Protein backbone atom coordinates (compact mmCIF):
# COMPACT_ATOMS: atom_id res chain seq x y z
CA UNK A 1 13.82 12.31 29.50
CA UNK A 2 15.81 13.74 32.59
CA UNK A 3 14.70 12.27 35.29
CA UNK A 4 15.13 13.47 39.22
CA UNK A 5 14.53 10.89 42.00
CA UNK A 6 15.60 10.21 45.62
CA UNK A 7 17.47 6.36 46.36
CA UNK A 8 17.20 4.85 49.73
CA UNK A 9 20.61 4.42 50.59
CA UNK A 10 20.14 3.31 54.14
CA UNK A 11 21.33 6.03 56.41
CA UNK A 12 19.89 8.59 54.39
CA UNK A 13 17.96 9.52 50.63
CA UNK A 14 20.56 10.40 48.16
CA UNK A 15 19.15 12.58 45.22
CA UNK A 16 20.25 11.47 42.12
CA UNK A 17 18.92 13.32 38.40
CA UNK A 18 19.40 10.36 35.56
CA UNK A 19 19.78 11.83 31.94
CA UNK A 20 19.04 8.89 30.45
CA UNK A 21 20.90 8.00 26.91
CA UNK A 22 21.52 3.84 26.10
CA UNK A 23 25.43 3.59 26.16
CA UNK A 24 27.00 2.45 29.13
CA UNK A 25 25.69 3.57 32.48
CA UNK A 26 28.16 6.21 33.79
CA UNK A 27 28.26 8.25 37.17
CA UNK A 28 29.00 12.29 37.39
CA UNK A 29 29.95 13.04 40.78
CA UNK A 30 30.05 17.42 42.00
CA UNK A 31 33.11 19.30 44.08
CA UNK A 32 32.66 20.08 47.61
CA UNK A 33 29.81 22.71 48.61
CA UNK A 34 27.94 22.18 45.00
CA UNK A 35 25.33 19.22 43.95
CA UNK A 36 24.28 17.80 40.92
CA UNK A 37 23.05 20.75 39.18
CA UNK A 38 26.82 21.95 39.09
CA UNK A 39 27.57 18.94 36.41
CA UNK A 40 24.13 19.67 33.94
CA UNK A 41 26.81 21.13 31.60
CA UNK A 42 28.77 17.72 31.51
CA UNK A 43 26.21 15.84 32.21
CA UNK A 44 24.22 16.76 28.78
CA UNK A 45 27.45 16.82 26.80
CA UNK A 46 27.98 12.97 27.79
CA UNK A 47 25.12 11.71 27.30
CA UNK A 48 25.59 11.10 23.70
CA UNK A 49 27.62 8.31 24.50
CA UNK A 50 26.44 6.70 27.85
CA UNK A 51 23.58 6.81 30.21
CA UNK A 52 24.23 9.84 32.75
CA UNK A 53 23.73 9.75 36.22
CA UNK A 54 24.30 12.60 38.37
CA UNK A 55 24.49 12.68 42.29
CA UNK A 56 23.90 15.07 44.92
CA UNK A 57 26.23 13.97 47.41
CA UNK A 58 25.80 13.45 51.14
CA UNK A 59 25.13 16.60 52.67
CA UNK A 60 24.92 18.42 49.20
CA UNK A 61 21.67 19.97 47.20
CA UNK A 62 18.79 17.58 48.34
CA UNK A 63 20.35 14.53 49.86
CA UNK A 64 19.83 14.00 53.34
CA UNK A 65 22.76 14.83 56.09
CA UNK A 66 24.64 12.87 57.49
CA UNK A 67 28.29 12.84 58.57
CA UNK A 68 31.09 12.89 55.95
CA UNK A 69 33.36 10.01 55.75
CA UNK A 70 35.31 8.05 52.52
CA UNK A 71 33.24 5.12 52.70
CA UNK A 72 30.10 6.24 53.76
CA UNK A 73 30.25 8.17 49.89
CA UNK A 74 31.47 5.13 48.22
CA UNK A 75 28.70 3.16 49.85
CA UNK A 76 26.44 5.53 48.75
CA UNK A 77 27.35 5.66 45.71
CA UNK A 78 27.15 1.52 45.18
CA UNK A 79 23.44 1.81 46.77
CA UNK A 80 22.49 4.33 43.48
CA UNK A 81 23.93 1.93 41.66
CA UNK A 82 22.12 -0.86 42.59
CA UNK A 83 18.99 0.64 43.13
CA UNK A 84 19.11 2.09 39.16
CA UNK A 85 20.25 -0.96 37.85
CA UNK A 86 23.50 0.56 36.83
CA UNK A 87 25.77 -2.67 35.84
CA UNK A 88 29.68 -1.68 36.91
CA UNK A 89 29.16 2.14 36.12
CA UNK A 90 31.91 4.18 34.93
CA UNK A 91 32.75 6.91 37.70
CA UNK A 92 33.52 10.21 36.99
CA UNK A 93 33.72 13.29 39.14
CA UNK A 94 35.05 16.91 39.50
CA UNK A 95 37.07 18.09 42.55
CA UNK A 96 35.91 15.95 45.80
CA UNK A 97 33.86 13.71 43.26
CA UNK A 98 37.09 13.29 41.09
CA UNK A 99 38.81 11.52 44.58
CA UNK A 100 35.45 9.39 44.97
CA UNK A 101 36.15 8.41 41.56
CA UNK A 102 39.97 7.59 42.06
CA UNK A 103 38.42 5.59 45.28
CA UNK A 104 35.62 3.72 43.62
CA UNK A 105 37.83 2.62 40.91
CA UNK A 106 40.69 1.40 43.61
CA UNK A 107 38.05 -0.85 45.17
CA UNK A 108 36.10 -1.95 41.86
CA UNK A 109 39.01 -3.24 39.72
CA UNK A 110 36.36 -4.51 37.27
CA UNK A 111 34.78 -0.95 36.71
CA UNK A 112 35.20 0.02 32.76
CA UNK A 113 36.90 3.26 34.06
CA UNK A 114 37.10 6.24 36.36
CA UNK A 115 37.67 9.74 35.79
CA UNK A 116 38.94 12.44 37.91
CA UNK A 117 38.63 16.12 37.04
CA UNK A 118 41.48 17.99 38.83
CA UNK A 119 40.94 16.41 41.63
CA UNK A 120 43.93 16.83 43.53
CA UNK A 121 43.68 17.70 47.45
CA UNK A 122 44.99 21.22 48.37
CA UNK A 123 48.48 22.08 49.12
CA UNK A 124 48.97 21.46 52.62
CA UNK A 125 53.35 20.95 53.52
CA UNK A 126 55.90 23.19 52.51
CA UNK A 127 57.63 19.82 51.24
CA UNK A 128 54.98 20.06 48.62
CA UNK A 129 55.92 23.54 47.17
CA UNK A 130 59.88 22.85 45.74
CA UNK A 131 61.48 25.81 45.04
CA UNK A 132 59.34 27.71 46.61
CA UNK A 133 61.68 29.92 49.17
CA UNK A 134 58.57 31.54 50.83
CA UNK A 135 56.20 28.47 51.15
CA UNK A 136 55.31 28.78 54.85
CA UNK A 137 54.33 31.76 54.24
CA UNK A 138 52.52 31.62 51.38
CA UNK A 139 50.83 28.35 52.87
CA UNK A 140 49.13 30.60 55.41
CA UNK A 141 48.29 33.16 53.27
CA UNK A 142 46.35 30.31 50.66
CA UNK A 143 44.55 28.81 53.51
CA UNK A 144 43.18 32.35 55.10
CA UNK A 145 41.47 32.73 51.60
CA UNK A 146 40.57 29.41 50.92
CA UNK A 147 40.61 28.03 53.97
CA UNK A 148 37.38 25.95 55.90
CA UNK A 149 34.40 28.34 56.25
CA UNK A 150 30.40 27.35 56.04
CA UNK A 151 28.28 29.64 53.85
CA UNK A 152 26.14 30.09 56.68
CA UNK A 153 22.10 31.73 56.80
CA UNK A 154 21.16 34.08 54.53
CA UNK A 155 17.96 36.63 55.61
CA UNK A 156 15.13 35.15 52.96
CA UNK A 157 14.65 38.59 51.28
CA UNK A 158 18.37 38.55 50.36
CA UNK A 159 18.01 35.68 48.34
CA UNK A 160 16.92 36.57 45.26
CA UNK A 161 20.16 39.44 45.14
CA UNK A 162 22.30 36.27 46.27
CA UNK A 163 21.10 34.99 43.23
CA UNK A 164 21.57 37.25 40.87
CA UNK A 165 25.32 38.11 42.49
CA UNK A 166 25.65 34.12 41.34
CA UNK A 167 24.77 34.55 37.65
CA UNK A 168 26.45 37.99 37.49
CA UNK A 169 30.18 36.37 38.70
CA UNK A 170 29.21 33.19 35.94
CA UNK A 171 28.38 35.96 33.53
CA UNK A 172 31.92 37.61 34.35
CA UNK A 173 33.59 34.77 34.29
CA UNK A 174 32.28 33.64 31.00
CA UNK A 175 30.38 30.51 32.67
CA UNK A 176 26.92 29.19 32.17
CA UNK A 177 24.18 31.82 34.08
CA UNK A 178 21.42 29.27 34.50
CA UNK A 179 23.63 26.45 35.89
CA UNK A 180 25.03 28.72 38.55
CA UNK A 181 21.71 30.04 39.84
CA UNK A 182 20.12 25.95 39.44
CA UNK A 183 23.37 25.19 41.77
CA UNK A 184 22.70 27.62 44.49
CA UNK A 185 19.05 27.30 44.42
CA UNK A 186 19.63 23.55 44.74
CA UNK A 187 21.84 23.78 47.94
CA UNK A 188 19.05 26.42 49.66
CA UNK A 189 17.18 24.75 53.06
CA UNK A 190 14.81 26.48 55.01
CA UNK A 191 15.61 26.01 59.17
CA UNK A 192 13.32 27.72 61.49
CA UNK A 193 12.74 29.86 59.63
CA UNK A 194 15.86 30.83 57.92
CA UNK A 195 17.06 30.34 54.46
CA UNK A 196 20.89 28.36 55.13
CA UNK A 197 23.06 27.43 52.76
CA UNK A 198 24.50 23.40 52.06
CA UNK A 199 26.68 21.65 53.07
CA UNK A 200 26.32 23.14 57.21
CA UNK A 201 28.51 24.16 59.44
CA UNK A 202 29.81 20.32 60.78
CA UNK A 203 29.73 19.26 57.11
CA UNK A 204 31.86 21.76 55.81
CA UNK A 205 34.43 21.07 58.52
CA UNK A 206 34.37 17.31 58.13
CA UNK A 207 34.68 17.84 54.08
CA UNK A 208 37.69 20.04 54.47
CA UNK A 209 38.99 17.45 57.05
CA UNK A 210 38.59 14.21 54.38
CA UNK A 211 40.12 16.63 51.55
CA UNK A 212 43.06 18.18 52.92
CA UNK A 213 44.21 14.45 54.68
CA UNK A 214 43.76 12.44 51.41
CA UNK A 215 46.53 11.05 50.05
CA UNK A 216 45.43 9.79 46.34
CA UNK A 217 48.99 8.79 45.23
CA UNK A 218 48.90 5.61 46.77
CA UNK A 219 45.33 4.57 45.68
CA UNK A 220 45.91 5.61 42.09
CA UNK A 221 49.11 2.97 42.30
CA UNK A 222 46.58 0.80 44.17
CA UNK A 223 44.26 0.87 41.21
CA UNK A 224 43.70 -1.57 38.77
CA UNK A 225 40.70 -0.44 36.15
CA UNK A 226 41.78 2.16 33.27
CA UNK A 227 42.00 6.08 35.59
CA UNK A 228 41.91 8.84 33.73
CA UNK A 229 43.71 12.06 35.13
CA UNK A 230 42.36 15.42 33.82
CA UNK A 231 44.39 18.01 35.72
CA UNK A 232 44.28 22.52 34.98
CA UNK A 233 47.03 23.87 32.97
CA UNK A 234 46.22 27.64 34.83
CA UNK A 235 45.20 29.44 37.89
CA UNK A 236 41.16 30.87 37.88
CA UNK A 237 41.76 34.85 38.26
CA UNK A 238 40.68 34.33 42.78
CA UNK A 239 43.69 31.98 42.08
CA UNK A 240 46.60 34.34 40.38
CA UNK A 241 47.94 35.53 43.26
CA UNK A 242 49.08 32.42 44.40
CA UNK A 243 50.50 32.26 41.14
CA UNK A 244 54.17 31.19 42.41
CA UNK A 245 52.10 28.64 45.07
CA UNK A 246 50.34 26.86 42.74
CA UNK A 247 53.19 26.82 39.88
CA UNK A 248 54.98 24.78 42.50
CA UNK A 249 52.51 22.48 43.33
CA UNK A 250 51.77 21.55 40.17
CA UNK A 251 55.40 20.70 39.83
CA UNK A 252 55.64 18.39 43.08
CA UNK A 253 52.18 17.14 41.69
CA UNK A 254 53.50 15.60 38.17
CA UNK A 255 56.10 13.70 39.97
CA UNK A 256 54.26 11.62 42.26
CA UNK A 257 51.32 11.49 39.44
CA UNK A 258 54.59 9.90 37.34
CA UNK A 259 55.51 7.82 40.36
CA UNK A 260 52.54 6.15 40.87
CA UNK A 261 51.65 5.81 37.17
CA UNK A 262 54.88 3.46 37.20
CA UNK A 263 52.88 1.31 39.19
CA UNK A 264 49.25 1.72 37.67
CA UNK A 265 49.82 0.20 33.92
CA UNK A 266 46.21 1.40 32.91
CA UNK A 267 46.57 5.12 34.54
CA UNK A 268 46.46 8.07 31.86
CA UNK A 269 47.20 12.17 32.96
CA UNK A 270 46.75 14.95 30.89
CA UNK A 271 46.65 18.29 31.30
CA UNK A 272 43.55 20.19 29.46
CA UNK A 273 45.10 23.14 28.00
CA UNK A 274 43.53 26.30 29.08
CA UNK A 275 41.34 24.99 31.56
CA UNK A 276 40.85 25.82 35.15
CA UNK A 277 39.62 24.23 38.41
CA UNK A 278 36.13 25.05 36.75
CA UNK A 279 36.94 23.34 33.61
CA UNK A 280 33.34 21.08 33.66
CA UNK A 281 31.69 24.46 33.44
CA UNK A 282 34.51 25.75 30.80
CA UNK A 283 35.15 22.94 29.00
CA UNK A 284 32.31 20.32 28.84
CA UNK A 285 32.18 19.04 25.05
CA UNK A 286 35.92 18.70 25.08
CA UNK A 287 35.95 17.01 28.38
CA UNK A 288 33.32 14.73 27.23
CA UNK A 289 34.94 13.45 24.02
CA UNK A 290 38.23 13.01 26.29
CA UNK A 291 36.44 10.75 28.46
CA UNK A 292 34.26 9.21 26.11
CA UNK A 293 37.16 8.50 24.27
CA UNK A 294 39.31 7.26 27.19
CA UNK A 295 36.30 4.71 27.95
CA UNK A 296 35.97 3.69 24.24
CA UNK A 297 39.41 2.82 24.20
CA UNK A 298 39.51 0.83 27.46
């Protein structure tokens, strides 16, 4: 039976959805700007092997608002594990959630394993784009397109149309419409008679600062528990105008991962065939099998 509840994490309440299951406990984390609803397809696929608990990270979904820092977010996860009696949970995260999973692994050497699903920070510096002659110009263009911006306020009467737009966009991309609609609704909050989309402008800024300055490779190298990195192999349609930039960045990331793996013998990195950054929606069954096999083998 699936249960939704709020956990008292001390500073703020943290919303969770417990999918049940009799296997090893597993915390499943969404990316920046999302919420636990976005992880539903993967959670259902993982439930055959694990007790799966999805989490609204602070500032998202039904969780409370508080300043986002890595330490605070990791502490939230620890509070969830304690309150739900999850002994030595595996942690699996997508994007921002993947970075948190890696941090959890570096701080919990007794963890049965952590998995980062395309939890790579965005390219920020020209040296991260080897061989790209127009690296500086491309970074400016990329950040103009995908840089930090808050979703803001939506006139209440326009919410149904916005939900329909999200459904249509998911349908056109071959992704689950129901998941897209629930994820949008879960991030809606009424403030002063207006409907706003979470996270707030303040937390959006904090998220961008945290992600854009995060260096995962020393974290990987310092992790002694089993660590799996699952990386995308192709661009989303909105990323295709930056195909050259992303190709150069993947080359640089591969070199950093290889260097970190020499210091972390229990680390494994794989590229998921025909997968974009939206891999959790595109390939939930494939990912569940990959994650389950990785955690069982270790």
